[in-house]
Amino acid sequence: MSLERWVLIEERAAARKGGMDVLESLLPVPKTAEELRAMPADRILAEMTRCIFNSGFHWRVITQKWPGFEEAFRGFQLEELLTMMPEDWEALTSDRRIVRNGQKIMAVAHNAGFIADISGEHGSFGAFLADWPPTDMVGLLAHLKKHGSRLGGNTGQWFLRRVGYDGFVLTRDVVTALQAAGLDIKDNPTTKRDLGAIQAAFNAYCDQSGRGVSAISKILSYSVGDNVAPETILGFMTRGEDSD
């Protein structure tokens, strides 16, 4: 089955948002390769942790407690976290500055080591991301899931979006838009077949439009579903409450 032409999807999204200029203002701007390479490891781990704790909680809960997260996890400085003893991590499970979820707390410990290992191999975790092509984001997500902790599903996708990687987020609206465009995928696409088809669709739409993956993802989401006002979306973006 052939996919709907990209120009039609983009025109529909622009009409829903009040014109092409408005649509352009609502699109994410991913980091350049140089910016990704320069991103400090502590900020990468911080965003990874935020996305892990956001899963299953309303984002406001984590946002309100975030200063406590920064304190409890020692600014996410790898050299400090990697020297913490088991009893130090256990103590965090009763620390009221953070959400006291033992599995997610231990995920921070694991991911500190994961980031350190990748940094040792590639010079920095940001360099690892910068060198991984968005045309194989599915492969990157599989790597994060296999070697990181609690980075499967949409958590890994949100992490990549928040650190500035040019990637998609498979929200309900994005999946619905892909289905409406003719892609034969399930409502919750997790199989190798579905993810491969999604990657191929994004690659095709990038080629047709000259846009990046994150812009394609956003425009797809704006083309269907509830038509949230541009002012509301801009407010979300200003506060770092990005969503597709």
Protein backbone atom coordinates (compact mmCIF):
# COMPACT_ATOMS: atom_id res chain seq x y z
CA MET A 1 0.00 0.00 0.00
CA SER A 2 1.39 3.39 -1.00
CA LEU A 3 1.60 6.21 1.51
CA GLU A 4 -0.29 9.46 1.26
CA ARG A 5 1.88 12.16 -0.27
CA TRP A 6 3.65 14.29 2.31
CA VAL A 7 2.50 17.59 0.84
CA LEU A 8 -1.12 16.68 1.61
CA ILE A 9 -0.35 15.87 5.25
CA GLU A 10 1.61 19.10 5.67
CA GLU A 11 -1.16 21.16 4.06
CA ARG A 12 -3.72 19.59 6.39
CA ALA A 13 -1.61 20.29 9.47
CA ALA A 14 -0.99 23.89 8.37
CA ALA A 15 -4.70 24.48 7.79
CA ARG A 16 -5.52 23.15 11.26
CA LYS A 17 -2.94 25.41 12.93
CA GLY A 18 -3.75 28.61 11.04
CA GLY A 19 -1.21 28.62 8.23
CA MET A 20 2.27 27.48 7.31
CA ASP A 21 4.03 30.23 9.26
CA VAL A 22 2.24 29.21 12.45
CA LEU A 23 2.99 25.55 11.79
CA GLU A 24 6.69 26.32 11.34
CA SER A 25 6.76 28.10 14.71
CA LEU A 26 5.46 24.97 16.44
CA LEU A 27 8.18 22.62 15.20
CA PRO A 28 11.10 21.43 17.36
CA VAL A 29 14.63 22.43 16.45
CA PRO A 30 17.00 19.51 17.11
CA LYS A 31 20.58 20.07 18.16
CA THR A 32 23.33 20.11 15.58
CA ALA A 33 25.89 17.32 15.64
CA GLU A 34 28.36 19.71 17.25
CA GLU A 35 25.86 20.65 19.96
CA LEU A 36 25.11 17.01 20.71
CA ARG A 37 28.81 16.18 20.96
CA ALA A 38 29.31 18.99 23.46
CA MET A 39 26.38 18.04 25.71
CA PRO A 40 27.70 17.22 29.22
CA ALA A 41 27.19 13.70 30.51
CA ASP A 42 25.44 14.94 33.65
CA ARG A 43 22.75 16.70 31.58
CA ILE A 44 22.27 13.60 29.45
CA LEU A 45 21.78 11.46 32.54
CA ALA A 46 19.47 14.10 34.01
CA GLU A 47 17.20 14.04 30.96
CA MET A 48 17.32 10.25 30.86
CA THR A 49 16.27 10.15 34.51
CA ARG A 50 13.52 12.73 34.03
CA CYS A 51 11.98 10.67 31.21
CA ILE A 52 12.18 7.46 33.23
CA PHE A 53 10.46 9.01 36.23
CA ASN A 54 7.91 10.81 34.03
CA SER A 55 6.71 7.41 32.84
CA GLY A 56 3.68 6.52 34.93
CA PHE A 57 3.52 9.95 36.63
CA HIS A 58 2.07 13.24 35.53
CA TRP A 59 4.91 15.45 34.29
CA ARG A 60 4.00 18.14 36.86
CA VAL A 61 4.85 15.78 39.73
CA ILE A 62 8.40 15.32 38.46
CA THR A 63 8.81 18.96 37.44
CA GLN A 64 7.81 20.19 40.89
CA LYS A 65 10.21 17.80 42.60
CA TRP A 66 13.05 18.21 40.12
CA PRO A 67 15.28 20.43 42.30
CA GLY A 68 15.17 17.60 44.84
CA PHE A 69 16.19 15.11 42.15
CA GLU A 70 19.21 17.26 41.29
CA GLU A 71 20.24 17.32 44.95
CA ALA A 72 19.57 13.68 45.73
CA PHE A 73 21.40 12.43 42.64
CA ARG A 74 24.35 14.77 43.23
CA GLY A 75 23.81 16.88 40.16
CA PHE A 76 23.96 13.68 38.08
CA GLN A 77 27.74 13.89 38.11
CA LEU A 78 28.93 10.49 36.90
CA GLU A 79 32.13 10.46 38.94
CA GLU A 80 30.13 10.86 42.14
CA LEU A 81 27.33 8.46 41.30
CA LEU A 82 29.73 5.73 40.20
CA THR A 83 31.43 5.76 43.61
CA MET A 84 28.19 5.46 45.61
CA MET A 85 27.85 2.32 47.70
CA PRO A 86 24.79 0.02 47.66
CA GLU A 87 23.64 1.49 50.98
CA ASP A 88 23.74 4.99 49.44
CA TRP A 89 21.37 3.91 46.70
CA GLU A 90 19.17 2.10 49.22
CA ALA A 91 18.91 5.29 51.27
CA LEU A 92 17.42 7.07 48.26
CA THR A 93 14.38 4.80 48.38
CA SER A 94 13.26 6.70 51.50
CA ASP A 95 14.42 10.15 50.36
CA ARG A 96 11.42 12.48 50.23
CA ARG A 97 13.15 14.86 47.84
CA ILE A 98 12.41 12.44 44.99
CA VAL A 99 9.77 9.94 43.89
CA ARG A 100 10.67 6.88 45.95
CA ASN A 101 10.50 4.18 43.31
CA GLY A 102 13.25 1.67 43.98
CA GLN A 103 13.44 0.25 40.45
CA LYS A 104 13.67 3.67 38.85
CA ILE A 105 16.27 4.80 41.39
CA MET A 106 18.43 1.81 40.55
CA ALA A 107 17.94 2.59 36.86
CA VAL A 108 19.86 5.82 37.52
CA ALA A 109 22.76 3.78 38.91
CA HIS A 110 22.74 1.49 35.88
CA ASN A 111 22.45 4.33 33.38
CA ALA A 112 25.32 6.25 34.96
CA GLY A 113 27.50 3.26 34.14
CA PHE A 114 25.93 2.93 30.69
CA ILE A 115 26.72 6.55 29.84
CA ALA A 116 30.25 6.20 31.20
CA ASP A 117 30.88 3.09 29.10
CA ILE A 118 29.56 4.69 25.91
CA SER A 119 31.57 7.85 26.61
CA GLY A 120 34.71 5.76 26.97
CA GLU A 121 34.10 4.16 23.58
CA HIS A 122 32.98 7.24 21.63
CA GLY A 123 34.53 10.20 23.44
CA SER A 124 31.17 11.30 24.83
CA PHE A 125 27.61 10.02 24.91
CA GLY A 126 26.64 13.03 22.83
CA ALA A 127 29.12 11.97 20.15
CA PHE A 128 27.56 8.50 20.16
CA LEU A 129 24.16 10.09 19.49
CA ALA A 130 25.52 12.51 16.91
CA ASP A 131 27.06 9.66 14.92
CA TRP A 132 23.91 7.52 14.90
CA PRO A 133 21.85 8.38 11.79
CA PRO A 134 18.17 9.25 12.28
CA THR A 135 17.46 6.98 9.30
CA ASP A 136 18.06 4.11 11.77
CA MET A 137 16.46 5.53 14.89
CA VAL A 138 14.79 2.16 15.44
CA GLY A 139 18.26 0.65 15.80
CA LEU A 140 19.26 3.35 18.29
CA LEU A 141 16.13 2.72 20.36
CA ALA A 142 16.91 -1.00 20.40
CA HIS A 143 20.44 -0.23 21.63
CA LEU A 144 19.14 2.02 24.43
CA LYS A 145 16.64 -0.64 25.49
CA LYS A 146 19.23 -3.43 25.48
CA HIS A 147 22.10 -1.65 27.20
CA GLY A 148 20.36 1.03 29.28
CA SER A 149 17.78 0.57 32.01
CA ARG A 150 14.06 1.33 31.59
CA LEU A 151 14.64 3.01 28.23
CA GLY A 152 12.25 0.89 26.18
CA GLY A 153 9.04 2.05 24.54
CA ASN A 154 8.26 5.75 24.43
CA THR A 155 10.68 6.51 27.27
CA GLY A 156 13.66 6.13 24.98
CA GLN A 157 11.93 8.19 22.31
CA TRP A 158 11.20 11.04 24.73
CA PHE A 159 14.76 10.92 26.03
CA LEU A 160 16.13 11.37 22.51
CA ARG A 161 13.70 14.23 21.84
CA ARG A 162 14.60 16.03 25.07
CA VAL A 163 18.36 15.85 24.51
CA GLY A 164 17.90 17.25 21.00
CA TYR A 165 18.31 14.16 18.82
CA ASP A 166 16.38 14.44 15.56
CA GLY A 167 13.88 11.65 16.19
CA PHE A 168 10.23 10.69 16.32
CA VAL A 169 7.90 10.05 19.25
CA LEU A 170 5.18 7.49 18.58
CA THR A 171 2.33 9.11 20.44
CA ARG A 172 -1.26 8.12 19.74
CA ASP A 173 -1.71 10.97 17.24
CA VAL A 174 1.50 10.17 15.35
CA VAL A 175 0.51 6.51 15.04
CA THR A 176 -3.03 7.48 14.00
CA ALA A 177 -1.65 9.84 11.34
CA LEU A 178 0.64 7.13 9.96
CA GLN A 179 -2.27 4.70 9.81
CA ALA A 180 -4.42 7.31 8.07
CA ALA A 181 -1.60 7.84 5.57
CA GLY A 182 -1.83 4.17 4.63
CA LEU A 183 0.72 2.48 6.90
CA ASP A 184 -0.42 -0.96 8.07
CA ILE A 185 0.68 -0.92 11.71
CA LYS A 186 -0.97 -1.75 15.01
CA ASP A 187 -2.26 0.89 17.42
CA ASN A 188 0.62 0.03 19.74
CA PRO A 189 3.45 -0.66 17.29
CA THR A 190 6.19 -2.59 19.05
CA THR A 191 7.02 -5.46 16.70
CA LYS A 192 10.11 -5.46 14.50
CA ARG A 193 7.84 -5.42 11.45
CA ASP A 194 5.84 -2.39 12.58
CA LEU A 195 8.87 -0.43 13.72
CA GLY A 196 10.64 -1.17 10.45
CA ALA A 197 7.63 0.08 8.51
CA ILE A 198 7.50 3.24 10.63
CA GLN A 199 11.19 3.93 10.07
CA ALA A 200 10.75 3.46 6.33
CA ALA A 201 7.78 5.86 6.32
CA PHE A 202 9.73 8.54 8.18
CA ASN A 203 12.69 8.10 5.85
CA ALA A 204 10.40 8.46 2.83
CA TYR A 205 8.73 11.57 4.21
CA CYS A 206 12.10 13.13 5.05
CA ASP A 207 13.19 12.55 1.45
CA GLN A 208 9.96 14.02 0.06
CA SER A 209 9.97 17.09 2.27
CA GLY A 210 13.60 17.85 3.01
CA ARG A 211 12.62 18.05 6.69
CA GLY A 212 14.13 16.27 9.67
CA VAL A 213 12.53 13.40 11.54
CA SER A 214 11.38 15.43 14.55
CA ALA A 215 9.59 17.93 12.29
CA ILE A 216 7.90 15.10 10.41
CA SER A 217 6.80 13.61 13.73
CA LYS A 218 5.31 16.89 14.91
CA ILE A 219 3.52 17.65 11.66
CA LEU A 220 1.99 14.17 11.63
CA SER A 221 0.66 14.74 15.15
CA TYR A 222 -0.77 18.15 14.19
CA SER A 223 -2.60 16.67 11.19
CA VAL A 224 -5.04 14.56 13.26
CA GLY A 225 -6.71 14.37 16.66
CA ASP A 226 -7.66 17.21 18.99
CA ASN A 227 -6.67 20.52 17.42
CA VAL A 228 -4.86 22.20 20.30
CA ALA A 229 -4.51 25.96 19.89
CA PRO A 230 -1.07 27.17 18.78
CA GLU A 231 -0.85 29.47 21.82
CA THR A 232 -1.29 26.50 24.12
CA ILE A 233 1.36 24.51 22.28
CA LEU A 234 3.81 27.42 22.44
CA GLY A 235 3.17 27.65 26.17
CA PHE A 236 4.00 23.96 26.55
CA MET A 237 7.19 24.42 24.54
CA THR A 238 8.27 27.46 26.57
CA ARG A 239 7.87 25.49 29.80
CA GLY A 240 9.63 22.42 28.42
CA GLU A 241 6.42 20.39 28.39
CA ASP A 242 6.85 19.22 24.84
CA SER A 243 4.47 16.56 23.52
CA ASP A 244 3.61 15.15 20.10
